Amino acid sequence: MASRGRPKTDDSPPPRKYTRVFTNNDGSTETWHYDLDKFANGPIKVEMTSPVIKETWEEQNARKSKTQRKYFNPANNKWIGYGRAKQLGVI
């Protein structure tokens, strides 16, 4: 038979330490760490991670300084460094 009367309530206190994870529209995530014993008014630590952006080799090469870049040599269809490219007049 089913028990009669009012169901038992859970009187356990809420957690004192917990984390909340927020994901933004641009793909970045924020993790908020709470510890109510240390600070009752808000998070004790916030970790922000930027979105993972996959760049092609050409985009990475374009962001480098001109002495760190690789340059295409049309004479032999190979990539060369800055010093050699300057000698050959590629740049």
PDB file of N, CA and C in Angstrom:
ATOM      1  N   MET A   1       0.824  -1.176   0.000  1.00  0.00           N
ATOM      2  CA  MET A   1       0.000   0.000   0.000  1.00  0.00           C
ATOM      3  C   MET A   1       0.875   1.248   0.000  1.00  0.00           C
ATOM      4  N   ALA A   2       0.334   2.288  -0.547  1.00  0.00           N
ATOM      5  CA  ALA A   2       1.050   3.560  -0.575  1.00  0.00           C
ATOM      6  C   ALA A   2       0.999   4.208   0.793  1.00  0.00           C
ATOM      7  N   SER A   3       2.059   4.949   1.132  1.00  0.00           N
ATOM      8  CA  SER A   3       2.069   5.626   2.424  1.00  0.00           C
ATOM      9  C   SER A   3       1.115   6.813   2.372  1.00  0.00           C
ATOM     10  N   ARG A   4       0.549   7.112   3.495  1.00  0.00           N
ATOM     11  CA  ARG A   4      -0.442   8.164   3.534  1.00  0.00           C
ATOM     12  C   ARG A   4       0.146   9.409   4.172  1.00  0.00           C
ATOM     13  N   GLY A   5      -0.455  10.525   3.911  1.00  0.00           N
ATOM     14  CA  GLY A   5      -0.048  11.759   4.543  1.00  0.00           C
ATOM     15  C   GLY A   5       0.880  12.592   3.647  1.00  0.00           C
ATOM     16  N   ARG A   6       1.432  13.607   4.238  1.00  0.00           N
ATOM     17  CA  ARG A   6       2.293  14.536   3.520  1.00  0.00           C
ATOM     18  C   ARG A   6       3.642  13.872   3.240  1.00  0.00           C
ATOM     19  N   PRO A   7       4.181  14.047   2.002  1.00  0.00           N
ATOM     20  CA  PRO A   7       5.490  13.443   1.720  1.00  0.00           C
ATOM     21  C   PRO A   7       6.595  14.128   2.513  1.00  0.00           C
ATOM     22  N   LYS A   8       7.643  13.394   2.793  1.00  0.00           N
ATOM     23  CA  LYS A   8       8.765  13.938   3.544  1.00  0.00           C
ATOM     24  C   LYS A   8       9.477  15.003   2.718  1.00  0.00           C
ATOM     25  N   THR A   9       9.928  16.028   3.374  1.00  0.00           N
ATOM     26  CA  THR A   9      10.663  17.095   2.689  1.00  0.00           C
ATOM     27  C   THR A   9      12.154  16.892   2.905  1.00  0.00           C
ATOM     28  N   ASP A  10      12.914  17.364   1.929  1.00  0.00           N
ATOM     29  CA  ASP A  10      14.368  17.259   2.022  1.00  0.00           C
ATOM     30  C   ASP A  10      14.886  18.500   2.738  1.00  0.00           C
ATOM     31  N   ASP A  11      15.319  18.346   3.972  1.00  0.00           N
ATOM     32  CA  ASP A  11      15.776  19.479   4.778  1.00  0.00           C
ATOM     33  C   ASP A  11      17.294  19.637   4.746  1.00  0.00           C
ATOM     34  N   SER A  12      17.966  19.048   3.772  1.00  0.00           N
ATOM     35  CA  SER A  12      19.420  19.198   3.711  1.00  0.00           C
ATOM     36  C   SER A  12      19.750  20.620   3.254  1.00  0.00           C
ATOM     37  N   PRO A  13      20.783  21.221   3.818  1.00  0.00           N
ATOM     38  CA  PRO A  13      21.134  22.599   3.454  1.00  0.00           C
ATOM     39  C   PRO A  13      21.688  22.653   2.034  1.00  0.00           C
ATOM     40  N   PRO A  14      21.572  23.804   1.376  1.00  0.00           N
ATOM     41  CA  PRO A  14      22.122  23.931   0.027  1.00  0.00           C
ATOM     42  C   PRO A  14      23.648  23.828   0.061  1.00  0.00           C
ATOM     43  N   PRO A  15      24.273  23.493  -1.066  1.00  0.00           N
ATOM     44  CA  PRO A  15      25.736  23.325  -1.073  1.00  0.00           C
ATOM     45  C   PRO A  15      26.455  24.638  -0.777  1.00  0.00           C
ATOM     46  N   ARG A  16      27.583  24.540  -0.104  1.00  0.00           N
ATOM     47  CA  ARG A  16      28.372  25.723   0.245  1.00  0.00           C
ATOM     48  C   ARG A  16      29.443  26.023  -0.802  1.00  0.00           C
ATOM     49  N   LYS A  17      29.816  25.000  -1.579  1.00  0.00           N
ATOM     50  CA  LYS A  17      30.803  25.180  -2.648  1.00  0.00           C
ATOM     51  C   LYS A  17      30.195  24.649  -3.941  1.00  0.00           C
ATOM     52  N   TYR A  18      30.223  25.478  -4.975  1.00  0.00           N
ATOM     53  CA  TYR A  18      29.692  25.042  -6.267  1.00  0.00           C
ATOM     54  C   TYR A  18      30.271  25.900  -7.381  1.00  0.00           C
ATOM     55  N   THR A  19      30.082  25.478  -8.612  1.00  0.00           N
ATOM     56  CA  THR A  19      30.548  26.222  -9.786  1.00  0.00           C
ATOM     57  C   THR A  19      29.397  26.378 -10.767  1.00  0.00           C
ATOM     58  N   ARG A  20      29.443  27.458 -11.517  1.00  0.00           N
ATOM     59  CA  ARG A  20      28.480  27.690 -12.589  1.00  0.00           C
ATOM     60  C   ARG A  20      29.266  27.951 -13.865  1.00  0.00           C
ATOM     61  N   VAL A  21      28.833  27.358 -14.964  1.00  0.00           N
ATOM     62  CA  VAL A  21      29.517  27.515 -16.245  1.00  0.00           C
ATOM     63  C   VAL A  21      28.574  28.236 -17.194  1.00  0.00           C
ATOM     64  N   PHE A  22      29.061  29.345 -17.769  1.00  0.00           N
ATOM     65  CA  PHE A  22      28.297  30.126 -18.737  1.00  0.00           C
ATOM     66  C   PHE A  22      28.991  30.022 -20.089  1.00  0.00           C
ATOM     67  N   THR A  23      28.208  29.825 -21.144  1.00  0.00           N
ATOM     68  CA  THR A  23      28.743  29.800 -22.501  1.00  0.00           C
ATOM     69  C   THR A  23      28.176  30.996 -23.257  1.00  0.00           C
ATOM     70  N   ASN A  24      29.056  31.826 -23.807  1.00  0.00           N
ATOM     71  CA  ASN A  24      28.631  33.019 -24.529  1.00  0.00           C
ATOM     72  C   ASN A  24      28.370  32.704 -25.995  1.00  0.00           C
ATOM     73  N   ASN A  25      27.789  33.662 -26.699  1.00  0.00           N
ATOM     74  CA  ASN A  25      27.447  33.468 -28.112  1.00  0.00           C
ATOM     75  C   ASN A  25      28.672  33.285 -28.997  1.00  0.00           C
ATOM     76  N   ASP A  26      29.797  33.882 -28.630  1.00  0.00           N
ATOM     77  CA  ASP A  26      30.999  33.781 -29.460  1.00  0.00           C
ATOM     78  C   ASP A  26      31.785  32.496 -29.217  1.00  0.00           C
ATOM     79  N   GLY A  27      31.314  31.638 -28.307  1.00  0.00           N
ATOM     80  CA  GLY A  27      31.978  30.370 -28.038  1.00  0.00           C
ATOM     81  C   GLY A  27      32.865  30.381 -26.817  1.00  0.00           C
ATOM     82  N   SER A  28      33.062  31.540 -26.208  1.00  0.00           N
ATOM     83  CA  SER A  28      33.886  31.598 -25.003  1.00  0.00           C
ATOM     84  C   SER A  28      33.073  31.096 -23.813  1.00  0.00           C
ATOM     85  N   THR A  29      33.779  30.589 -22.816  1.00  0.00           N
ATOM     86  CA  THR A  29      33.112  30.080 -21.623  1.00  0.00           C
ATOM     87  C   THR A  29      33.662  30.773 -20.389  1.00  0.00           C
ATOM     88  N   GLU A  30      32.786  30.929 -19.402  1.00  0.00           N
ATOM     89  CA  GLU A  30      33.157  31.491 -18.112  1.00  0.00           C
ATOM     90  C   GLU A  30      32.767  30.485 -17.036  1.00  0.00           C
ATOM     91  N   THR A  31      33.685  30.196 -16.127  1.00  0.00           N
ATOM     92  CA  THR A  31      33.406  29.308 -15.011  1.00  0.00           C
ATOM     93  C   THR A  31      33.513  30.123 -13.730  1.00  0.00           C
ATOM     94  N   TRP A  32      32.410  30.222 -13.016  1.00  0.00           N
ATOM     95  CA  TRP A  32      32.360  30.982 -11.778  1.00  0.00           C
ATOM     96  C   TRP A  32      32.406  30.005 -10.607  1.00  0.00           C
ATOM     97  N   HIS A  33      33.385  30.182  -9.726  1.00  0.00           N
ATOM     98  CA  HIS A  33      33.559  29.307  -8.560  1.00  0.00           C
ATOM     99  C   HIS A  33      33.064  30.049  -7.319  1.00  0.00           C
ATOM    100  N   TYR A  34      32.169  29.402  -6.583  1.00  0.00           N
ATOM    101  CA  TYR A  34      31.601  29.976  -5.369  1.00  0.00           C
ATOM    102  C   TYR A  34      32.027  29.145  -4.161  1.00  0.00           C
ATOM    103  N   ASP A  35      32.331  29.829  -3.062  1.00  0.00           N
ATOM    104  CA  ASP A  35      32.559  29.204  -1.771  1.00  0.00           C
ATOM    105  C   ASP A  35      31.930  30.131  -0.732  1.00  0.00           C
ATOM    106  N   LEU A  36      30.759  29.772  -0.274  1.00  0.00           N
ATOM    107  CA  LEU A  36      30.011  30.656   0.610  1.00  0.00           C
ATOM    108  C   LEU A  36      30.642  30.783   1.989  1.00  0.00           C
ATOM    109  N   ASP A  37      31.561  29.887   2.350  1.00  0.00           N
ATOM    110  CA  ASP A  37      32.267  30.022   3.623  1.00  0.00           C
ATOM    111  C   ASP A  37      33.336  31.108   3.539  1.00  0.00           C
ATOM    112  N   LYS A  38      33.937  31.295   2.363  1.00  0.00           N
ATOM    113  CA  LYS A  38      34.970  32.316   2.192  1.00  0.00           C
ATOM    114  C   LYS A  38      34.368  33.682   1.886  1.00  0.00           C
ATOM    115  N   PHE A  39      33.404  33.723   0.949  1.00  0.00           N
ATOM    116  CA  PHE A  39      32.811  34.989   0.538  1.00  0.00           C
ATOM    117  C   PHE A  39      31.357  34.726   0.173  1.00  0.00           C
ATOM    118  N   ALA A  40      30.449  35.301   0.911  1.00  0.00           N
ATOM    119  CA  ALA A  40      29.026  34.996   0.746  1.00  0.00           C
ATOM    120  C   ALA A  40      28.345  35.832  -0.330  1.00  0.00           C
ATOM    121  N   ASN A  41      28.999  36.894  -0.824  1.00  0.00           N
ATOM    122  CA  ASN A  41      28.325  37.828  -1.723  1.00  0.00           C
ATOM    123  C   ASN A  41      28.545  37.556  -3.207  1.00  0.00           C
ATOM    124  N   GLY A  42      29.415  36.649  -3.571  1.00  0.00           N
ATOM    125  CA  GLY A  42      29.662  36.409  -4.982  1.00  0.00           C
ATOM    126  C   GLY A  42      30.729  35.362  -5.182  1.00  0.00           C
ATOM    127  N   PRO A  43      31.216  35.240  -6.426  1.00  0.00           N
ATOM    128  CA  PRO A  43      32.211  34.210  -6.713  1.00  0.00           C
ATOM    129  C   PRO A  43      33.574  34.569  -6.129  1.00  0.00           C
ATOM    130  N   ILE A  44      34.354  33.524  -5.818  1.00  0.00           N
ATOM    131  CA  ILE A  44      35.711  33.751  -5.321  1.00  0.00           C
ATOM    132  C   ILE A  44      36.716  33.715  -6.458  1.00  0.00           C
ATOM    133  N   LYS A  45      36.310  33.107  -7.597  1.00  0.00           N
ATOM    134  CA  LYS A  45      37.215  33.023  -8.738  1.00  0.00           C
ATOM    135  C   LYS A  45      36.377  32.911 -10.008  1.00  0.00           C
ATOM    136  N   VAL A  46      36.816  33.593 -11.073  1.00  0.00           N
ATOM    137  CA  VAL A  46      36.145  33.502 -12.368  1.00  0.00           C
ATOM    138  C   VAL A  46      37.207  33.159 -13.409  1.00  0.00           C
ATOM    139  N   GLU A  47      36.994  32.055 -14.122  1.00  0.00           N
ATOM    140  CA  GLU A  47      37.911  31.651 -15.188  1.00  0.00           C
ATOM    141  C   GLU A  47      37.240  31.920 -16.520  1.00  0.00           C
ATOM    142  N   MET A  48      37.926  32.678 -17.384  1.00  0.00           N
ATOM    143  CA  MET A  48      37.375  32.992 -18.698  1.00  0.00           C
ATOM    144  C   MET A  48      38.267  32.348 -19.756  1.00  0.00           C
ATOM    145  N   THR A  49      37.677  31.546 -20.626  1.00  0.00           N
ATOM    146  CA  THR A  49      38.430  30.910 -21.698  1.00  0.00           C
ATOM    147  C   THR A  49      37.923  31.432 -23.022  1.00  0.00           C
ATOM    148  N   SER A  50      38.843  31.764 -23.892  1.00  0.00           N
ATOM    149  CA  SER A  50      38.466  32.282 -25.205  1.00  0.00           C
ATOM    150  C   SER A  50      38.080  31.128 -26.125  1.00  0.00           C
ATOM    151  N   PRO A  51      37.322  31.426 -27.169  1.00  0.00           N
ATOM    152  CA  PRO A  51      36.904  30.361 -28.076  1.00  0.00           C
ATOM    153  C   PRO A  51      38.093  29.807 -28.859  1.00  0.00           C
ATOM    154  N   VAL A  52      37.993  28.561 -29.239  1.00  0.00           N
ATOM    155  CA  VAL A  52      39.044  27.926 -30.013  1.00  0.00           C
ATOM    156  C   VAL A  52      38.876  28.340 -31.468  1.00  0.00           C
ATOM    157  N   ILE A  53      39.880  29.005 -31.998  1.00  0.00           N
ATOM    158  CA  ILE A  53      39.837  29.466 -33.386  1.00  0.00           C
ATOM    159  C   ILE A  53      40.887  28.694 -34.160  1.00  0.00           C
ATOM    160  N   LYS A  54      40.451  28.025 -35.189  1.00  0.00           N
ATOM    161  CA  LYS A  54      41.382  27.266 -36.008  1.00  0.00           C
ATOM    162  C   LYS A  54      41.808  28.137 -37.185  1.00  0.00           C
ATOM    163  N   GLU A  55      43.088  28.464 -37.215  1.00  0.00           N
ATOM    164  CA  GLU A  55      43.623  29.290 -38.282  1.00  0.00           C
ATOM    165  C   GLU A  55      44.368  28.427 -39.272  1.00  0.00           C
ATOM    166  N   THR A  56      44.323  28.824 -40.511  1.00  0.00           N
ATOM    167  CA  THR A  56      45.091  28.125 -41.528  1.00  0.00           C
ATOM    168  C   THR A  56      46.555  28.546 -41.410  1.00  0.00           C
ATOM    169  N   TRP A  57      47.421  27.827 -42.100  1.00  0.00           N
ATOM    170  CA  TRP A  57      48.839  28.156 -42.061  1.00  0.00           C
ATOM    171  C   TRP A  57      49.092  29.540 -42.640  1.00  0.00           C
ATOM    172  N   GLU A  58      48.346  29.910 -43.676  1.00  0.00           N
ATOM    173  CA  GLU A  58      48.523  31.224 -44.298  1.00  0.00           C
ATOM    174  C   GLU A  58      48.145  32.352 -43.348  1.00  0.00           C
ATOM    175  N   GLU A  59      47.072  32.154 -42.553  1.00  0.00           N
ATOM    176  CA  GLU A  59      46.670  33.178 -41.591  1.00  0.00           C
ATOM    177  C   GLU A  59      47.704  33.318 -40.475  1.00  0.00           C
ATOM    178  N   GLN A  60      48.255  32.210 -40.007  1.00  0.00           N
ATOM    179  CA  GLN A  60      49.302  32.268 -38.984  1.00  0.00           C
ATOM    180  C   GLN A  60      50.541  32.950 -39.537  1.00  0.00           C
ATOM    181  N   ASN A  61      50.885  32.644 -40.772  1.00  0.00           N
ATOM    182  CA  ASN A  61      52.063  33.238 -41.401  1.00  0.00           C
ATOM    183  C   ASN A  61      51.875  34.746 -41.577  1.00  0.00           C
ATOM    184  N   ALA A  62      50.669  35.190 -41.908  1.00  0.00           N
ATOM    185  CA  ALA A  62      50.401  36.609 -42.123  1.00  0.00           C
ATOM    186  C   ALA A  62      50.500  37.402 -40.821  1.00  0.00           C
ATOM    187  N   ARG A  63      50.209  36.776 -39.682  1.00  0.00           N
ATOM    188  CA  ARG A  63      50.281  37.464 -38.399  1.00  0.00           C
ATOM    189  C   ARG A  63      51.701  37.625 -37.884  1.00  0.00           C
ATOM    190  N   LYS A  64      52.638  36.851 -38.382  1.00  0.00           N
ATOM    191  CA  LYS A  64      54.014  36.912 -37.904  1.00  0.00           C
ATOM    192  C   LYS A  64      54.704  38.170 -38.420  1.00  0.00           C
ATOM    193  N   SER A  65      55.813  38.531 -37.748  1.00  0.00           N
ATOM    194  CA  SER A  65      56.600  39.653 -38.248  1.00  0.00           C
ATOM    195  C   SER A  65      57.257  39.248 -39.559  1.00  0.00           C
ATOM    196  N   LYS A  66      57.670  40.238 -40.341  1.00  0.00           N
ATOM    197  CA  LYS A  66      58.142  39.897 -41.686  1.00  0.00           C
ATOM    198  C   LYS A  66      59.441  39.098 -41.677  1.00  0.00           C
ATOM    199  N   THR A  67      60.226  39.160 -40.603  1.00  0.00           N
ATOM    200  CA  THR A  67      61.435  38.339 -40.540  1.00  0.00           C
ATOM    201  C   THR A  67      61.134  36.901 -40.132  1.00  0.00           C
ATOM    202  N   GLN A  68      59.963  36.662 -39.565  1.00  0.00           N
ATOM    203  CA  GLN A  68      59.575  35.311 -39.149  1.00  0.00           C
ATOM    204  C   GLN A  68      58.718  34.593 -40.191  1.00  0.00           C
ATOM    205  N   ARG A  69      58.210  35.345 -41.171  1.00  0.00           N
ATOM    206  CA  ARG A  69      57.330  34.760 -42.182  1.00  0.00           C
ATOM    207  C   ARG A  69      58.099  33.888 -43.161  1.00  0.00           C
ATOM    208  N   LYS A  70      57.346  33.078 -43.871  1.00  0.00           N
ATOM    209  CA  LYS A  70      57.880  32.315 -44.995  1.00  0.00           C
ATOM    210  C   LYS A  70      57.322  32.942 -46.265  1.00  0.00           C
ATOM    211  N   TYR A  71      58.145  33.020 -47.292  1.00  0.00           N
ATOM    212  CA  TYR A  71      57.756  33.636 -48.557  1.00  0.00           C
ATOM    213  C   TYR A  71      57.827  32.596 -49.663  1.00  0.00           C
ATOM    214  N   PHE A  72      56.905  32.716 -50.621  1.00  0.00           N
ATOM    215  CA  PHE A  72      56.828  31.761 -51.718  1.00  0.00           C
ATOM    216  C   PHE A  72      57.767  32.188 -52.836  1.00  0.00           C
ATOM    217  N   ASN A  73      58.621  31.254 -53.258  1.00  0.00           N
ATOM    218  CA  ASN A  73      59.535  31.497 -54.366  1.00  0.00           C
ATOM    219  C   ASN A  73      58.902  30.908 -55.629  1.00  0.00           C
ATOM    220  N   PRO A  74      58.466  31.736 -56.578  1.00  0.00           N
ATOM    221  CA  PRO A  74      57.801  31.203 -57.771  1.00  0.00           C
ATOM    222  C   PRO A  74      58.752  30.480 -58.723  1.00  0.00           C
ATOM    223  N   ALA A  75      60.062  30.688 -58.595  1.00  0.00           N
ATOM    224  CA  ALA A  75      61.008  30.037 -59.499  1.00  0.00           C
ATOM    225  C   ALA A  75      61.035  28.525 -59.286  1.00  0.00           C
ATOM    226  N   ASN A  76      60.991  28.076 -58.030  1.00  0.00           N
ATOM    227  CA  ASN A  76      61.042  26.635 -57.769  1.00  0.00           C
ATOM    228  C   ASN A  76      59.842  26.128 -56.964  1.00  0.00           C
ATOM    229  N   ASN A  77      58.834  26.976 -56.765  1.00  0.00           N
ATOM    230  CA  ASN A  77      57.609  26.623 -56.053  1.00  0.00           C
ATOM    231  C   ASN A  77      57.869  26.108 -54.635  1.00  0.00           C
ATOM    232  N   LYS A  78      58.762  26.791 -53.909  1.00  0.00           N
ATOM    233  CA  LYS A  78      59.072  26.423 -52.534  1.00  0.00           C
ATOM    234  C   LYS A  78      58.935  27.646 -51.635  1.00  0.00           C
ATOM    235  N   TRP A  79      58.800  27.374 -50.336  1.00  0.00           N
ATOM    236  CA  TRP A  79      58.730  28.427 -49.342  1.00  0.00           C
ATOM    237  C   TRP A  79      60.129  28.702 -48.807  1.00  0.00           C
ATOM    238  N   ILE A  80      60.487  29.979 -48.692  1.00  0.00           N
ATOM    239  CA  ILE A  80      61.828  30.368 -48.245  1.00  0.00           C
ATOM    240  C   ILE A  80      61.710  31.383 -47.111  1.00  0.00           C
ATOM    241  N   GLY A  81      62.801  31.562 -46.389  1.00  0.00           N
ATOM    242  CA  GLY A  81      62.835  32.504 -45.282  1.00  0.00           C
ATOM    243  C   GLY A  81      63.052  33.929 -45.756  1.00  0.00           C
ATOM    244  N   TYR A  82      63.068  34.848 -44.796  1.00  0.00           N
ATOM    245  CA  TYR A  82      63.159  36.270 -45.084  1.00  0.00           C
ATOM    246  C   TYR A  82      64.473  36.649 -45.773  1.00  0.00           C
ATOM    247  N   GLY A  83      65.595  36.155 -45.232  1.00  0.00           N
ATOM    248  CA  GLY A  83      66.905  36.529 -45.795  1.00  0.00           C
ATOM    249  C   GLY A  83      67.057  36.091 -47.238  1.00  0.00           C
ATOM    250  N   ARG A  84      66.687  34.871 -47.527  1.00  0.00           N
ATOM    251  CA  ARG A  84      66.787  34.347 -48.895  1.00  0.00           C
ATOM    252  C   ARG A  84      65.810  35.063 -49.822  1.00  0.00           C
ATOM    253  N   ALA A  85      64.620  35.364 -49.343  1.00  0.00           N
ATOM    254  CA  ALA A  85      63.634  36.063 -50.156  1.00  0.00           C
ATOM    255  C   ALA A  85      64.130  37.466 -50.508  1.00  0.00           C
ATOM    256  N   LYS A  86      64.820  38.094 -49.585  1.00  0.00           N
ATOM    257  CA  LYS A  86      65.343  39.422 -49.848  1.00  0.00           C
ATOM    258  C   LYS A  86      66.483  39.369 -50.868  1.00  0.00           C
ATOM    259  N   GLN A  87      67.337  38.318 -50.770  1.00  0.00           N
ATOM    260  CA  GLN A  87      68.428  38.150 -51.742  1.00  0.00           C
ATOM    261  C   GLN A  87      67.904  37.937 -53.147  1.00  0.00           C
ATOM    262  N   LEU A  88      66.852  37.140 -53.258  1.00  0.00           N
ATOM    263  CA  LEU A  88      66.313  36.819 -54.576  1.00  0.00           C
ATOM    264  C   LEU A  88      65.392  37.913 -55.102  1.00  0.00           C
ATOM    265  N   GLY A  89      65.043  38.876 -54.285  1.00  0.00           N
ATOM    266  CA  GLY A  89      64.178  39.955 -54.726  1.00  0.00           C
ATOM    267  C   GLY A  89      62.702  39.587 -54.749  1.00  0.00           C
ATOM    268  N   VAL A  90      62.329  38.566 -53.980  1.00  0.00           N
ATOM    269  CA  VAL A  90      60.934  38.168 -53.916  1.00  0.00           C
ATOM    270  C   VAL A  90      60.113  39.209 -53.152  1.00  0.00           C
ATOM    271  N   ILE A  91      60.738  39.834 -52.149  1.00  0.00           N
ATOM    272  CA  ILE A  91      60.037  40.867 -51.387  1.00  0.00           C
ATOM    273  C   ILE A  91      60.665  42.212 -51.638  1.00  0.00           C
TER     274      ILE A  91
END
